Amino acid sequence: MADDADRAQELAATLNDTALMAHRRRVIGPAHQWCIDCGGGIPIERQRAAPGAMRCFDCQQAAERRW
């Protein structure tokens, strides 16, 4: 059974994660729905994982190989 310190630590971590996500949305901006390279849709999972992503996963990998 978790004690008060464990619950407090879990709550602090959750609040920290929430604040960090909100900050990223403000700084990076909203995720794009359409890839700037191929014009295809950017899956919602990628939008959530990489806020501000401008490319779909495949186009991002190709762009990184070019760099």
PDB file of N, CA and C in Angstrom:
ATOM      1  N   MET A   1       0.848  -1.175   0.000  1.00  0.00           N
ATOM      2  CA  MET A   1       0.000   0.000   0.000  1.00  0.00           C
ATOM      3  C   MET A   1       0.898   1.245   0.000  1.00  0.00           C
ATOM      4  N   ALA A   2       0.561   2.179  -0.845  1.00  0.00           N
ATOM      5  CA  ALA A   2       1.373   3.390  -0.967  1.00  0.00           C
ATOM      6  C   ALA A   2       1.124   4.319   0.217  1.00  0.00           C
ATOM      7  N   ASP A   3       2.204   4.913   0.672  1.00  0.00           N
ATOM      8  CA  ASP A   3       2.041   5.862   1.764  1.00  0.00           C
ATOM      9  C   ASP A   3       1.848   7.276   1.194  1.00  0.00           C
ATOM     10  N   ASP A   4       1.663   8.233   2.076  1.00  0.00           N
ATOM     11  CA  ASP A   4       1.391   9.605   1.657  1.00  0.00           C
ATOM     12  C   ASP A   4       2.518  10.192   0.809  1.00  0.00           C
ATOM     13  N   ALA A   5       3.754   9.871   1.134  1.00  0.00           N
ATOM     14  CA  ALA A   5       4.887  10.399   0.371  1.00  0.00           C
ATOM     15  C   ALA A   5       4.872   9.869  -1.060  1.00  0.00           C
ATOM     16  N   ASP A   6       4.542   8.594  -1.248  1.00  0.00           N
ATOM     17  CA  ASP A   6       4.465   8.020  -2.583  1.00  0.00           C
ATOM     18  C   ASP A   6       3.361   8.680  -3.401  1.00  0.00           C
ATOM     19  N   ARG A   7       2.205   8.868  -2.780  1.00  0.00           N
ATOM     20  CA  ARG A   7       1.087   9.511  -3.478  1.00  0.00           C
ATOM     21  C   ARG A   7       1.418  10.961  -3.823  1.00  0.00           C
ATOM     22  N   ALA A   8       2.087  11.649  -2.927  1.00  0.00           N
ATOM     23  CA  ALA A   8       2.482  13.039  -3.188  1.00  0.00           C
ATOM     24  C   ALA A   8       3.473  13.103  -4.343  1.00  0.00           C
ATOM     25  N   GLN A   9       4.395  12.158  -4.381  1.00  0.00           N
ATOM     26  CA  GLN A   9       5.383  12.123  -5.457  1.00  0.00           C
ATOM     27  C   GLN A   9       4.704  11.830  -6.802  1.00  0.00           C
ATOM     28  N   GLU A  10       3.763  10.914  -6.828  1.00  0.00           N
ATOM     29  CA  GLU A  10       3.028  10.610  -8.052  1.00  0.00           C
ATOM     30  C   GLU A  10       2.223  11.812  -8.522  1.00  0.00           C
ATOM     31  N   LEU A  11       1.589  12.505  -7.608  1.00  0.00           N
ATOM     32  CA  LEU A  11       0.814  13.687  -7.956  1.00  0.00           C
ATOM     33  C   LEU A  11       1.726  14.782  -8.508  1.00  0.00           C
ATOM     34  N   ALA A  12       2.868  14.989  -7.883  1.00  0.00           N
ATOM     35  CA  ALA A  12       3.816  16.002  -8.351  1.00  0.00           C
ATOM     36  C   ALA A  12       4.305  15.668  -9.757  1.00  0.00           C
ATOM     37  N   ALA A  13       4.579  14.398 -10.018  1.00  0.00           N
ATOM     38  CA  ALA A  13       5.034  13.985 -11.350  1.00  0.00           C
ATOM     39  C   ALA A  13       3.941  14.212 -12.391  1.00  0.00           C
ATOM     40  N   THR A  14       2.707  13.901 -12.046  1.00  0.00           N
ATOM     41  CA  THR A  14       1.588  14.116 -12.964  1.00  0.00           C
ATOM     42  C   THR A  14       1.402  15.594 -13.262  1.00  0.00           C
ATOM     43  N   LEU A  15       1.442  16.427 -12.235  1.00  0.00           N
ATOM     44  CA  LEU A  15       1.295  17.873 -12.434  1.00  0.00           C
ATOM     45  C   LEU A  15       2.445  18.434 -13.264  1.00  0.00           C
ATOM     46  N   ASN A  16       3.638  17.937 -13.030  1.00  0.00           N
ATOM     47  CA  ASN A  16       4.800  18.375 -13.795  1.00  0.00           C
ATOM     48  C   ASN A  16       4.644  17.995 -15.270  1.00  0.00           C
ATOM     49  N   ASP A  17       4.218  16.763 -15.541  1.00  0.00           N
ATOM     50  CA  ASP A  17       4.005  16.322 -16.922  1.00  0.00           C
ATOM     51  C   ASP A  17       2.946  17.165 -17.613  1.00  0.00           C
ATOM     52  N   THR A  18       1.868  17.469 -16.901  1.00  0.00           N
ATOM     53  CA  THR A  18       0.789  18.288 -17.467  1.00  0.00           C
ATOM     54  C   THR A  18       1.293  19.688 -17.784  1.00  0.00           C
ATOM     55  N   ALA A  19       2.051  20.278 -16.889  1.00  0.00           N
ATOM     56  CA  ALA A  19       2.587  21.618 -17.123  1.00  0.00           C
ATOM     57  C   ALA A  19       3.570  21.625 -18.286  1.00  0.00           C
ATOM     58  N   LEU A  20       4.377  20.583 -18.393  1.00  0.00           N
ATOM     59  CA  LEU A  20       5.344  20.497 -19.485  1.00  0.00           C
ATOM     60  C   LEU A  20       4.637  20.377 -20.829  1.00  0.00           C
ATOM     61  N   MET A  21       3.606  19.564 -20.901  1.00  0.00           N
ATOM     62  CA  MET A  21       2.843  19.425 -22.148  1.00  0.00           C
ATOM     63  C   MET A  21       2.202  20.750 -22.544  1.00  0.00           C
ATOM     64  N   ALA A  22       1.633  21.467 -21.582  1.00  0.00           N
ATOM     65  CA  ALA A  22       1.016  22.763 -21.874  1.00  0.00           C
ATOM     66  C   ALA A  22       2.067  23.748 -22.377  1.00  0.00           C
ATOM     67  N   HIS A  23       3.236  23.739 -21.767  1.00  0.00           N
ATOM     68  CA  HIS A  23       4.316  24.626 -22.196  1.00  0.00           C
ATOM     69  C   HIS A  23       4.750  24.297 -23.629  1.00  0.00           C
ATOM     70  N   ARG A  24       4.905  23.022 -23.932  1.00  0.00           N
ATOM     71  CA  ARG A  24       5.301  22.627 -25.292  1.00  0.00           C
ATOM     72  C   ARG A  24       4.281  23.083 -26.316  1.00  0.00           C
ATOM     73  N   ARG A  25       3.016  22.975 -25.986  1.00  0.00           N
ATOM     74  CA  ARG A  25       1.978  23.411 -26.934  1.00  0.00           C
ATOM     75  C   ARG A  25       2.070  24.908 -27.190  1.00  0.00           C
ATOM     76  N   ARG A  26       2.374  25.679 -26.154  1.00  0.00           N
ATOM     77  CA  ARG A  26       2.498  27.136 -26.331  1.00  0.00           C
ATOM     78  C   ARG A  26       3.744  27.496 -27.122  1.00  0.00           C
ATOM     79  N   VAL A  27       4.861  26.850 -26.821  1.00  0.00           N
ATOM     80  CA  VAL A  27       6.136  27.195 -27.452  1.00  0.00           C
ATOM     81  C   VAL A  27       6.231  26.636 -28.867  1.00  0.00           C
ATOM     82  N   ILE A  28       5.897  25.379 -29.042  1.00  0.00           N
ATOM     83  CA  ILE A  28       6.055  24.717 -30.328  1.00  0.00           C
ATOM     84  C   ILE A  28       4.886  25.017 -31.250  1.00  0.00           C
ATOM     85  N   GLY A  29       3.732  25.185 -30.687  1.00  0.00           N
ATOM     86  CA  GLY A  29       2.550  25.455 -31.485  1.00  0.00           C
ATOM     87  C   GLY A  29       1.770  24.178 -31.747  1.00  0.00           C
ATOM     88  N   PRO A  30       0.652  24.321 -32.374  1.00  0.00           N
ATOM     89  CA  PRO A  30      -0.190  23.154 -32.616  1.00  0.00           C
ATOM     90  C   PRO A  30       0.440  22.224 -33.644  1.00  0.00           C
ATOM     91  N   ALA A  31       0.102  20.979 -33.557  1.00  0.00           N
ATOM     92  CA  ALA A  31       0.584  19.995 -34.530  1.00  0.00           C
ATOM     93  C   ALA A  31      -0.099  20.242 -35.869  1.00  0.00           C
ATOM     94  N   HIS A  32       0.603  19.905 -36.910  1.00  0.00           N
ATOM     95  CA  HIS A  32       0.042  20.022 -38.255  1.00  0.00           C
ATOM     96  C   HIS A  32      -0.728  18.752 -38.582  1.00  0.00           C
ATOM     97  N   GLN A  33      -1.729  18.882 -39.430  1.00  0.00           N
ATOM     98  CA  GLN A  33      -2.517  17.722 -39.821  1.00  0.00           C
ATOM     99  C   GLN A  33      -1.995  17.101 -41.105  1.00  0.00           C
ATOM    100  N   TRP A  34      -1.284  17.886 -41.920  1.00  0.00           N
ATOM    101  CA  TRP A  34      -0.841  17.418 -43.224  1.00  0.00           C
ATOM    102  C   TRP A  34       0.670  17.569 -43.344  1.00  0.00           C
ATOM    103  N   CYS A  35       1.327  16.557 -43.886  1.00  0.00           N
ATOM    104  CA  CYS A  35       2.770  16.540 -44.062  1.00  0.00           C
ATOM    105  C   CYS A  35       3.180  17.595 -45.091  1.00  0.00           C
ATOM    106  N   ILE A  36       4.228  18.370 -44.786  1.00  0.00           N
ATOM    107  CA  ILE A  36       4.675  19.417 -45.705  1.00  0.00           C
ATOM    108  C   ILE A  36       5.421  18.847 -46.906  1.00  0.00           C
ATOM    109  N   ASP A  37       5.851  17.587 -46.829  1.00  0.00           N
ATOM    110  CA  ASP A  37       6.572  16.983 -47.946  1.00  0.00           C
ATOM    111  C   ASP A  37       5.646  16.213 -48.883  1.00  0.00           C
ATOM    112  N   CYS A  38       4.904  15.259 -48.351  1.00  0.00           N
ATOM    113  CA  CYS A  38       4.076  14.401 -49.216  1.00  0.00           C
ATOM    114  C   CYS A  38       2.615  14.825 -49.276  1.00  0.00           C
ATOM    115  N   GLY A  39       2.185  15.674 -48.352  1.00  0.00           N
ATOM    116  CA  GLY A  39       0.800  16.115 -48.335  1.00  0.00           C
ATOM    117  C   GLY A  39      -0.144  15.133 -47.670  1.00  0.00           C
ATOM    118  N   GLY A  40       0.379  13.998 -47.236  1.00  0.00           N
ATOM    119  CA  GLY A  40      -0.454  13.009 -46.556  1.00  0.00           C
ATOM    120  C   GLY A  40      -0.766  13.440 -45.134  1.00  0.00           C
ATOM    121  N   GLY A  41      -1.705  12.761 -44.546  1.00  0.00           N
ATOM    122  CA  GLY A  41      -2.093  13.080 -43.177  1.00  0.00           C
ATOM    123  C   GLY A  41      -1.030  12.657 -42.170  1.00  0.00           C
ATOM    124  N   ILE A  42      -0.913  13.421 -41.111  1.00  0.00           N
ATOM    125  CA  ILE A  42      -0.028  13.064 -40.008  1.00  0.00           C
ATOM    126  C   ILE A  42      -0.900  12.403 -38.948  1.00  0.00           C
ATOM    127  N   PRO A  43      -0.613  11.126 -38.633  1.00  0.00           N
ATOM    128  CA  PRO A  43      -1.452  10.411 -37.668  1.00  0.00           C
ATOM    129  C   PRO A  43      -1.518  11.138 -36.323  1.00  0.00           C
ATOM    130  N   ILE A  44      -2.646  11.043 -35.671  1.00  0.00           N
ATOM    131  CA  ILE A  44      -2.868  11.713 -34.393  1.00  0.00           C
ATOM    132  C   ILE A  44      -1.845  11.269 -33.356  1.00  0.00           C
ATOM    133  N   GLU A  45      -1.407  10.010 -33.438  1.00  0.00           N
ATOM    134  CA  GLU A  45      -0.403   9.524 -32.496  1.00  0.00           C
ATOM    135  C   GLU A  45       0.898  10.313 -32.641  1.00  0.00           C
ATOM    136  N   ARG A  46       1.284  10.608 -33.881  1.00  0.00           N
ATOM    137  CA  ARG A  46       2.509  11.387 -34.111  1.00  0.00           C
ATOM    138  C   ARG A  46       2.293  12.823 -33.651  1.00  0.00           C
ATOM    139  N   GLN A  47       1.128  13.381 -33.894  1.00  0.00           N
ATOM    140  CA  GLN A  47       0.846  14.746 -33.452  1.00  0.00           C
ATOM    141  C   GLN A  47       0.968  14.853 -31.941  1.00  0.00           C
ATOM    142  N   ARG A  48       0.507  13.837 -31.236  1.00  0.00           N
ATOM    143  CA  ARG A  48       0.586  13.847 -29.769  1.00  0.00           C
ATOM    144  C   ARG A  48       2.015  13.625 -29.284  1.00  0.00           C
ATOM    145  N   ALA A  49       2.723  12.722 -29.961  1.00  0.00           N
ATOM    146  CA  ALA A  49       4.082  12.388 -29.531  1.00  0.00           C
ATOM    147  C   ALA A  49       5.077  13.498 -29.863  1.00  0.00           C
ATOM    148  N   ALA A  50       4.824  14.198 -30.968  1.00  0.00           N
ATOM    149  CA  ALA A  50       5.751  15.242 -31.405  1.00  0.00           C
ATOM    150  C   ALA A  50       4.962  16.498 -31.766  1.00  0.00           C
ATOM    151  N   PRO A  51       4.497  17.235 -30.748  1.00  0.00           N
ATOM    152  CA  PRO A  51       3.744  18.461 -31.045  1.00  0.00           C
ATOM    153  C   PRO A  51       4.568  19.384 -31.941  1.00  0.00           C
ATOM    154  N   GLY A  52       3.935  19.917 -32.946  1.00  0.00           N
ATOM    155  CA  GLY A  52       4.631  20.796 -33.884  1.00  0.00           C
ATOM    156  C   GLY A  52       5.238  20.050 -35.056  1.00  0.00           C
ATOM    157  N   ALA A  53       5.093  18.721 -35.098  1.00  0.00           N
ATOM    158  CA  ALA A  53       5.644  17.942 -36.208  1.00  0.00           C
ATOM    159  C   ALA A  53       5.038  18.435 -37.521  1.00  0.00           C
ATOM    160  N   MET A  54       5.906  18.626 -38.503  1.00  0.00           N
ATOM    161  CA  MET A  54       5.451  19.132 -39.799  1.00  0.00           C
ATOM    162  C   MET A  54       5.490  18.060 -40.881  1.00  0.00           C
ATOM    163  N   ARG A  55       6.059  16.893 -40.541  1.00  0.00           N
ATOM    164  CA  ARG A  55       6.172  15.798 -41.502  1.00  0.00           C
ATOM    165  C   ARG A  55       5.595  14.520 -40.909  1.00  0.00           C
ATOM    166  N   CYS A  56       5.099  13.642 -41.795  1.00  0.00           N
ATOM    167  CA  CYS A  56       4.698  12.318 -41.346  1.00  0.00           C
ATOM    168  C   CYS A  56       5.969  11.562 -40.963  1.00  0.00           C
ATOM    169  N   PHE A  57       5.806  10.424 -40.345  1.00  0.00           N
ATOM    170  CA  PHE A  57       6.956   9.662 -39.847  1.00  0.00           C
ATOM    171  C   PHE A  57       7.912   9.300 -40.973  1.00  0.00           C
ATOM    172  N   ASP A  58       7.385   8.783 -42.084  1.00  0.00           N
ATOM    173  CA  ASP A  58       8.245   8.350 -43.192  1.00  0.00           C
ATOM    174  C   ASP A  58       9.023   9.528 -43.782  1.00  0.00           C
ATOM    175  N   CYS A  59       8.366  10.654 -43.999  1.00  0.00           N
ATOM    176  CA  CYS A  59       9.045  11.826 -44.553  1.00  0.00           C
ATOM    177  C   CYS A  59      10.058  12.392 -43.571  1.00  0.00           C
ATOM    178  N   GLN A  60       9.767  12.316 -42.277  1.00  0.00           N
ATOM    179  CA  GLN A  60      10.723  12.787 -41.275  1.00  0.00           C
ATOM    180  C   GLN A  60      11.976  11.926 -41.295  1.00  0.00           C
ATOM    181  N   GLN A  61      11.804  10.609 -41.408  1.00  0.00           N
ATOM    182  CA  GLN A  61      12.968   9.729 -41.477  1.00  0.00           C
ATOM    183  C   GLN A  61      13.791  10.030 -42.721  1.00  0.00           C
ATOM    184  N   ALA A  62      13.135  10.242 -43.853  1.00  0.00           N
ATOM    185  CA  ALA A  62      13.849  10.555 -45.086  1.00  0.00           C
ATOM    186  C   ALA A  62      14.601  11.878 -44.950  1.00  0.00           C
ATOM    187  N   ALA A  63      13.988  12.874 -44.323  1.00  0.00           N
ATOM    188  CA  ALA A  63      14.625  14.175 -44.140  1.00  0.00           C
ATOM    189  C   ALA A  63      15.845  14.043 -43.233  1.00  0.00           C
ATOM    190  N   GLU A  64      15.749  13.223 -42.203  1.00  0.00           N
ATOM    191  CA  GLU A  64      16.875  13.030 -41.291  1.00  0.00           C
ATOM    192  C   GLU A  64      18.032  12.306 -41.973  1.00  0.00           C
ATOM    193  N   ARG A  65      17.729  11.413 -42.898  1.00  0.00           N
ATOM    194  CA  ARG A  65      18.800  10.727 -43.643  1.00  0.00           C
ATOM    195  C   ARG A  65      19.519  11.713 -44.563  1.00  0.00           C
ATOM    196  N   ARG A  66      18.801  12.702 -45.079  1.00  0.00           N
ATOM    197  CA  ARG A  66      19.415  13.693 -45.971  1.00  0.00           C
ATOM    198  C   ARG A  66      20.348  14.622 -45.213  1.00  0.00           C
ATOM    199  N   TRP A  67      20.093  14.836 -43.934  1.00  0.00           N
ATOM    200  CA  TRP A  67      20.907  15.767 -43.147  1.00  0.00           C
ATOM    201  C   TRP A  67      22.178  15.142 -42.864  1.00  0.00           C
TER     202      TRP A  67
END
